[in-house]
N, C-alpha and C. Protein backbone atom coordinates (compact mmCIF):
# COMPACT_ATOMS: atom_id res chain seq x y z
N MET A 1 12.52 16.42 -19.72
CA MET A 1 11.80 15.62 -20.69
C MET A 1 11.44 14.27 -20.06
N PRO A 2 10.18 13.85 -20.17
CA PRO A 2 9.77 12.58 -19.56
C PRO A 2 10.43 11.38 -20.24
N ASP A 3 10.65 10.33 -19.47
CA ASP A 3 11.19 9.10 -20.02
C ASP A 3 10.08 8.33 -20.73
N THR A 4 10.40 7.77 -21.89
CA THR A 4 9.45 6.95 -22.63
C THR A 4 9.86 5.49 -22.48
N ILE A 5 8.88 4.63 -22.20
CA ILE A 5 9.12 3.20 -22.11
C ILE A 5 8.21 2.50 -23.12
N ARG A 6 8.52 1.23 -23.40
CA ARG A 6 7.70 0.44 -24.32
C ARG A 6 7.16 -0.77 -23.58
N LEU A 7 5.87 -1.02 -23.75
CA LEU A 7 5.21 -2.18 -23.16
C LEU A 7 4.79 -3.10 -24.29
N LYS A 8 5.22 -4.35 -24.24
CA LYS A 8 4.81 -5.34 -25.23
C LYS A 8 3.72 -6.18 -24.59
N ILE A 9 2.51 -6.04 -25.15
CA ILE A 9 1.33 -6.70 -24.60
C ILE A 9 0.59 -7.38 -25.74
N ALA A 10 0.46 -8.69 -25.68
CA ALA A 10 -0.35 -9.44 -26.66
C ALA A 10 -0.02 -9.04 -28.10
N HIS A 11 1.23 -9.16 -28.49
CA HIS A 11 1.68 -8.89 -29.86
C HIS A 11 1.53 -7.43 -30.27
N ARG A 12 1.36 -6.55 -29.30
CA ARG A 12 1.32 -5.11 -29.59
C ARG A 12 2.40 -4.43 -28.77
N THR A 13 2.93 -3.36 -29.29
CA THR A 13 3.87 -2.54 -28.54
C THR A 13 3.25 -1.17 -28.36
N VAL A 14 3.19 -0.74 -27.11
CA VAL A 14 2.59 0.54 -26.75
C VAL A 14 3.64 1.36 -26.00
N GLU A 15 3.73 2.63 -26.32
CA GLU A 15 4.63 3.50 -25.58
C GLU A 15 3.91 4.15 -24.42
N ALA A 16 4.68 4.47 -23.40
CA ALA A 16 4.15 5.18 -22.24
C ALA A 16 5.18 6.21 -21.81
N GLU A 17 4.70 7.31 -21.27
CA GLU A 17 5.58 8.33 -20.72
C GLU A 17 5.53 8.26 -19.21
N LEU A 18 6.69 8.19 -18.59
CA LEU A 18 6.77 8.20 -17.14
C LEU A 18 6.80 9.64 -16.65
N ASN A 19 6.24 9.87 -15.47
CA ASN A 19 6.30 11.19 -14.87
C ASN A 19 7.65 11.37 -14.17
N ASP A 20 7.84 12.46 -13.50
CA ASP A 20 9.12 12.77 -12.87
C ASP A 20 9.11 12.46 -11.38
N SER A 21 8.37 11.45 -10.97
CA SER A 21 8.29 11.11 -9.55
C SER A 21 9.41 10.17 -9.14
N GLU A 22 9.66 10.11 -7.85
CA GLU A 22 10.67 9.19 -7.32
C GLU A 22 10.29 7.75 -7.64
N THR A 23 9.00 7.42 -7.51
CA THR A 23 8.54 6.05 -7.80
C THR A 23 8.78 5.71 -9.26
N ALA A 24 8.50 6.63 -10.18
CA ALA A 24 8.73 6.39 -11.61
C ALA A 24 10.21 6.16 -11.89
N ARG A 25 11.08 6.94 -11.25
CA ARG A 25 12.52 6.77 -11.45
C ARG A 25 12.97 5.41 -10.93
N MET A 26 12.41 4.97 -9.80
CA MET A 26 12.76 3.65 -9.26
C MET A 26 12.29 2.55 -10.21
N PHE A 27 11.09 2.70 -10.78
CA PHE A 27 10.57 1.71 -11.71
C PHE A 27 11.45 1.64 -12.95
N LEU A 28 11.88 2.78 -13.47
CA LEU A 28 12.73 2.82 -14.65
C LEU A 28 14.01 2.02 -14.44
N GLU A 29 14.53 2.03 -13.23
CA GLU A 29 15.76 1.29 -12.92
C GLU A 29 15.56 -0.22 -12.97
N LEU A 30 14.32 -0.69 -12.88
CA LEU A 30 14.02 -2.13 -12.94
C LEU A 30 14.08 -2.68 -14.37
N LEU A 31 13.97 -1.79 -15.34
CA LEU A 31 13.81 -2.22 -16.73
C LEU A 31 15.11 -2.70 -17.34
N PRO A 32 15.05 -3.69 -18.23
CA PRO A 32 13.86 -4.37 -18.75
C PRO A 32 13.33 -5.39 -17.74
N ILE A 33 12.03 -5.62 -17.81
CA ILE A 33 11.36 -6.57 -16.91
C ILE A 33 10.16 -7.18 -17.63
N THR A 34 9.85 -8.41 -17.29
CA THR A 34 8.62 -9.06 -17.75
C THR A 34 7.77 -9.34 -16.53
N ILE A 35 6.51 -8.91 -16.58
CA ILE A 35 5.61 -9.04 -15.43
C ILE A 35 4.40 -9.86 -15.82
N SER A 36 4.08 -10.86 -15.01
CA SER A 36 2.83 -11.61 -15.16
C SER A 36 1.75 -10.80 -14.46
N MET A 37 0.69 -10.50 -15.19
CA MET A 37 -0.35 -9.62 -14.66
C MET A 37 -1.71 -10.32 -14.67
N GLN A 38 -2.51 -9.98 -13.67
CA GLN A 38 -3.86 -10.50 -13.52
C GLN A 38 -4.85 -9.36 -13.73
N ARG A 39 -6.03 -9.72 -14.20
CA ARG A 39 -7.06 -8.72 -14.45
C ARG A 39 -7.97 -8.58 -13.25
N TRP A 40 -8.32 -7.33 -12.94
CA TRP A 40 -9.29 -6.99 -11.89
C TRP A 40 -10.19 -5.91 -12.47
N GLY A 41 -11.35 -6.32 -12.96
CA GLY A 41 -12.19 -5.38 -13.70
C GLY A 41 -11.44 -4.94 -14.94
N GLU A 42 -11.27 -3.64 -15.12
CA GLU A 42 -10.52 -3.11 -16.25
C GLU A 42 -9.20 -2.51 -15.76
N GLU A 43 -8.49 -3.34 -15.02
CA GLU A 43 -7.14 -3.04 -14.54
C GLU A 43 -6.35 -4.33 -14.61
N TYR A 44 -5.09 -4.22 -15.03
CA TYR A 44 -4.15 -5.32 -14.89
C TYR A 44 -3.15 -4.93 -13.83
N TYR A 45 -2.78 -5.89 -12.99
CA TYR A 45 -1.78 -5.63 -11.95
C TYR A 45 -0.88 -6.85 -11.83
N GLY A 46 0.38 -6.59 -11.48
CA GLY A 46 1.33 -7.69 -11.31
C GLY A 46 2.52 -7.25 -10.50
N ASP A 47 3.03 -8.16 -9.71
CA ASP A 47 4.17 -7.89 -8.83
C ASP A 47 5.41 -7.56 -9.68
N CYS A 48 5.93 -6.36 -9.48
CA CYS A 48 7.15 -5.95 -10.19
C CYS A 48 8.35 -5.94 -9.24
N GLY A 49 8.11 -6.27 -7.97
CA GLY A 49 9.19 -6.34 -7.00
C GLY A 49 9.61 -5.00 -6.43
N LEU A 50 8.89 -3.93 -6.78
CA LEU A 50 9.25 -2.60 -6.30
C LEU A 50 8.55 -2.33 -4.97
N LYS A 51 9.33 -2.19 -3.93
CA LYS A 51 8.77 -1.94 -2.60
C LYS A 51 8.86 -0.44 -2.32
N VAL A 52 7.70 0.20 -2.28
CA VAL A 52 7.62 1.65 -2.02
C VAL A 52 6.51 1.92 -1.02
N ARG A 53 6.58 3.07 -0.42
CA ARG A 53 5.51 3.56 0.46
C ARG A 53 4.61 4.46 -0.38
N PRO A 54 3.36 4.65 0.06
CA PRO A 54 2.51 5.60 -0.66
C PRO A 54 3.20 6.98 -0.72
N SER A 55 3.24 7.57 -1.89
CA SER A 55 3.87 8.87 -2.08
C SER A 55 2.88 9.99 -1.77
N GLY A 56 3.36 11.21 -1.80
CA GLY A 56 2.49 12.36 -1.54
C GLY A 56 1.38 12.51 -2.56
N ASP A 57 1.57 11.96 -3.76
CA ASP A 57 0.53 12.06 -4.79
C ASP A 57 -0.24 10.75 -4.97
N ALA A 58 -0.08 9.82 -4.02
CA ALA A 58 -0.82 8.55 -4.09
C ALA A 58 -2.32 8.82 -4.06
N ARG A 59 -3.05 8.05 -4.84
CA ARG A 59 -4.52 8.23 -4.89
C ARG A 59 -5.16 6.95 -5.38
N GLN A 60 -6.47 6.88 -5.23
CA GLN A 60 -7.21 5.71 -5.70
C GLN A 60 -7.81 5.94 -7.08
N GLU A 61 -8.38 7.12 -7.33
CA GLU A 61 -9.01 7.37 -8.62
C GLU A 61 -7.92 7.66 -9.65
N MET A 62 -7.98 6.92 -10.76
CA MET A 62 -6.97 7.02 -11.82
C MET A 62 -7.65 7.40 -13.13
N ASP A 63 -6.84 7.63 -14.14
CA ASP A 63 -7.35 7.91 -15.48
C ASP A 63 -7.13 6.68 -16.36
N ILE A 64 -7.93 6.56 -17.40
CA ILE A 64 -7.74 5.48 -18.36
C ILE A 64 -6.38 5.65 -19.02
N GLY A 65 -5.62 4.55 -19.06
CA GLY A 65 -4.28 4.56 -19.62
C GLY A 65 -3.19 4.86 -18.61
N GLU A 66 -3.58 5.17 -17.38
CA GLU A 66 -2.59 5.53 -16.37
C GLU A 66 -1.87 4.30 -15.83
N LEU A 67 -0.59 4.48 -15.51
CA LEU A 67 0.23 3.46 -14.88
C LEU A 67 0.51 3.90 -13.45
N ALA A 68 0.51 2.94 -12.53
CA ALA A 68 0.78 3.27 -11.13
C ALA A 68 1.44 2.08 -10.46
N ILE A 69 2.12 2.36 -9.36
CA ILE A 69 2.66 1.31 -8.51
C ILE A 69 1.78 1.24 -7.27
N TRP A 70 1.29 0.03 -6.99
CA TRP A 70 0.42 -0.21 -5.85
C TRP A 70 1.32 -0.70 -4.70
N PRO A 71 1.58 0.17 -3.70
CA PRO A 71 2.50 -0.20 -2.62
C PRO A 71 2.08 -1.45 -1.85
N SER A 72 0.80 -1.66 -1.65
CA SER A 72 0.35 -2.82 -0.87
C SER A 72 0.69 -4.15 -1.52
N GLY A 73 0.86 -4.17 -2.84
CA GLY A 73 1.15 -5.41 -3.54
C GLY A 73 2.45 -5.42 -4.31
N ASN A 74 3.28 -4.36 -4.13
CA ASN A 74 4.52 -4.22 -4.89
C ASN A 74 4.25 -4.39 -6.38
N ALA A 75 3.11 -3.87 -6.83
CA ALA A 75 2.62 -4.19 -8.17
C ALA A 75 2.54 -2.99 -9.08
N LEU A 76 2.81 -3.25 -10.37
CA LEU A 76 2.52 -2.29 -11.42
C LEU A 76 1.05 -2.47 -11.78
N CYS A 77 0.35 -1.37 -11.93
CA CYS A 77 -1.07 -1.40 -12.33
C CYS A 77 -1.22 -0.64 -13.64
N ILE A 78 -2.01 -1.22 -14.54
CA ILE A 78 -2.37 -0.59 -15.80
C ILE A 78 -3.89 -0.42 -15.78
N PHE A 79 -4.34 0.82 -15.79
CA PHE A 79 -5.77 1.11 -15.70
C PHE A 79 -6.34 1.40 -17.08
N PHE A 80 -7.46 0.73 -17.43
CA PHE A 80 -8.06 0.96 -18.75
C PHE A 80 -9.57 1.05 -18.71
N GLY A 81 -10.14 1.18 -17.53
CA GLY A 81 -11.59 1.33 -17.37
C GLY A 81 -11.98 1.08 -15.94
N PRO A 82 -13.28 1.01 -15.66
CA PRO A 82 -13.74 0.84 -14.29
C PRO A 82 -13.27 -0.49 -13.68
N THR A 83 -13.02 -0.45 -12.39
CA THR A 83 -12.65 -1.63 -11.62
C THR A 83 -13.78 -1.93 -10.63
N PRO A 84 -13.73 -3.05 -9.93
CA PRO A 84 -14.77 -3.32 -8.93
C PRO A 84 -14.86 -2.25 -7.83
N ALA A 85 -13.80 -1.45 -7.63
CA ALA A 85 -13.82 -0.39 -6.62
C ALA A 85 -14.36 0.94 -7.17
N SER A 86 -14.60 1.00 -8.48
CA SER A 86 -15.06 2.25 -9.10
C SER A 86 -16.48 2.60 -8.67
N THR A 87 -16.73 3.91 -8.61
CA THR A 87 -18.09 4.38 -8.32
C THR A 87 -18.71 5.02 -9.57
N GLY A 88 -17.96 5.05 -10.65
CA GLY A 88 -18.41 5.61 -11.92
C GLY A 88 -17.61 4.97 -13.03
N GLU A 89 -17.35 5.74 -14.07
CA GLU A 89 -16.63 5.23 -15.24
C GLU A 89 -15.11 5.25 -15.10
N LYS A 90 -14.61 6.00 -14.11
CA LYS A 90 -13.16 6.11 -13.94
C LYS A 90 -12.60 4.90 -13.21
N PRO A 91 -11.38 4.49 -13.58
CA PRO A 91 -10.72 3.41 -12.85
C PRO A 91 -10.46 3.84 -11.40
N ARG A 92 -10.51 2.88 -10.51
CA ARG A 92 -10.24 3.16 -9.11
C ARG A 92 -9.45 1.99 -8.53
N ALA A 93 -8.29 2.29 -7.96
CA ALA A 93 -7.48 1.27 -7.30
C ALA A 93 -8.14 0.86 -5.99
N VAL A 94 -7.84 -0.34 -5.54
CA VAL A 94 -8.43 -0.84 -4.30
C VAL A 94 -7.93 -0.05 -3.09
N SER A 95 -6.71 0.47 -3.16
CA SER A 95 -6.14 1.35 -2.13
C SER A 95 -5.18 2.29 -2.84
N PRO A 96 -4.73 3.36 -2.17
CA PRO A 96 -3.90 4.35 -2.86
C PRO A 96 -2.69 3.76 -3.57
N ALA A 97 -2.46 4.26 -4.79
CA ALA A 97 -1.34 3.83 -5.63
C ALA A 97 -0.57 5.07 -6.07
N ASN A 98 0.72 4.88 -6.33
CA ASN A 98 1.58 5.99 -6.76
C ASN A 98 1.57 6.08 -8.28
N PRO A 99 1.00 7.14 -8.85
CA PRO A 99 1.00 7.28 -10.31
C PRO A 99 2.42 7.45 -10.83
N ILE A 100 2.75 6.74 -11.92
CA ILE A 100 4.10 6.85 -12.49
C ILE A 100 4.10 7.29 -13.95
N GLY A 101 2.95 7.32 -14.60
CA GLY A 101 2.91 7.74 -16.00
C GLY A 101 1.63 7.30 -16.68
N ARG A 102 1.67 7.39 -18.01
CA ARG A 102 0.48 7.00 -18.78
C ARG A 102 0.86 6.48 -20.14
N MET A 103 0.04 5.54 -20.60
CA MET A 103 0.23 4.96 -21.92
C MET A 103 -0.24 5.95 -22.97
N LYS A 104 0.43 5.94 -24.12
CA LYS A 104 0.06 6.82 -25.22
C LYS A 104 -0.93 6.10 -26.13
N GLY A 105 -1.86 6.85 -26.67
CA GLY A 105 -2.78 6.28 -27.65
C GLY A 105 -3.93 5.50 -27.04
N ASP A 106 -4.57 4.75 -27.89
CA ASP A 106 -5.77 3.99 -27.53
C ASP A 106 -5.39 2.72 -26.79
N VAL A 107 -5.94 2.54 -25.59
CA VAL A 107 -5.66 1.34 -24.79
C VAL A 107 -6.86 0.40 -24.74
N SER A 108 -7.87 0.67 -25.56
CA SER A 108 -9.10 -0.14 -25.51
C SER A 108 -8.86 -1.60 -25.89
N PHE A 109 -7.75 -1.91 -26.60
CA PHE A 109 -7.46 -3.30 -26.95
C PHE A 109 -7.30 -4.16 -25.71
N LEU A 110 -6.94 -3.55 -24.57
CA LEU A 110 -6.78 -4.31 -23.32
C LEU A 110 -8.09 -4.97 -22.88
N LYS A 111 -9.22 -4.37 -23.24
CA LYS A 111 -10.52 -4.92 -22.84
C LYS A 111 -10.77 -6.30 -23.43
N GLY A 112 -10.14 -6.60 -24.57
CA GLY A 112 -10.35 -7.87 -25.23
C GLY A 112 -9.39 -8.97 -24.80
N LEU A 113 -8.52 -8.68 -23.85
CA LEU A 113 -7.53 -9.67 -23.42
C LEU A 113 -8.06 -10.54 -22.28
N THR A 114 -7.35 -11.61 -22.01
CA THR A 114 -7.77 -12.60 -21.01
C THR A 114 -7.49 -12.12 -19.58
N GLY A 115 -7.79 -13.00 -18.63
CA GLY A 115 -7.59 -12.70 -17.21
C GLY A 115 -6.15 -12.64 -16.78
N SER A 116 -5.25 -13.26 -17.54
CA SER A 116 -3.82 -13.25 -17.23
C SER A 116 -3.03 -12.91 -18.49
N ILE A 117 -2.09 -11.98 -18.34
CA ILE A 117 -1.24 -11.60 -19.47
C ILE A 117 0.20 -11.49 -18.99
N SER A 118 1.11 -11.50 -19.95
CA SER A 118 2.51 -11.25 -19.67
C SER A 118 2.87 -9.96 -20.38
N VAL A 119 3.54 -9.05 -19.67
CA VAL A 119 3.89 -7.75 -20.23
C VAL A 119 5.40 -7.57 -20.14
N GLU A 120 6.02 -7.34 -21.30
CA GLU A 120 7.46 -7.05 -21.35
C GLU A 120 7.60 -5.53 -21.41
N ILE A 121 8.43 -5.01 -20.52
CA ILE A 121 8.61 -3.55 -20.45
C ILE A 121 10.09 -3.23 -20.59
N GLU A 122 10.39 -2.27 -21.47
CA GLU A 122 11.79 -1.89 -21.69
C GLU A 122 11.89 -0.38 -21.87
N LYS A 123 13.12 0.12 -21.72
CA LYS A 123 13.38 1.54 -21.92
C LYS A 123 13.36 1.87 -23.40
């Protein structure tokens, strides 16, 4: 059964399911954590302190609502639409990232947020 986490973003609480990857298990061990995140197109990213190498399933093209760890920046990424690296409507990381899960429900509220946010994440 996948692990469920809660993300508190701008007075909203959103659940996400983590996948069964080694990177997701390592991220789960960091919780609870608060991450300052910056916006890049329709992606938020922020240093979570997790140092990992690209995994076998690392990729650049992501899905809306997907969570990933970006090894080059030790960062958690939240994808909610096209980024400056996108070639279409799908989010695209600047370099390969390790997918760790996805947010449940509608994530379109992220589009209305500012360039910098604080995200509290707990088990």
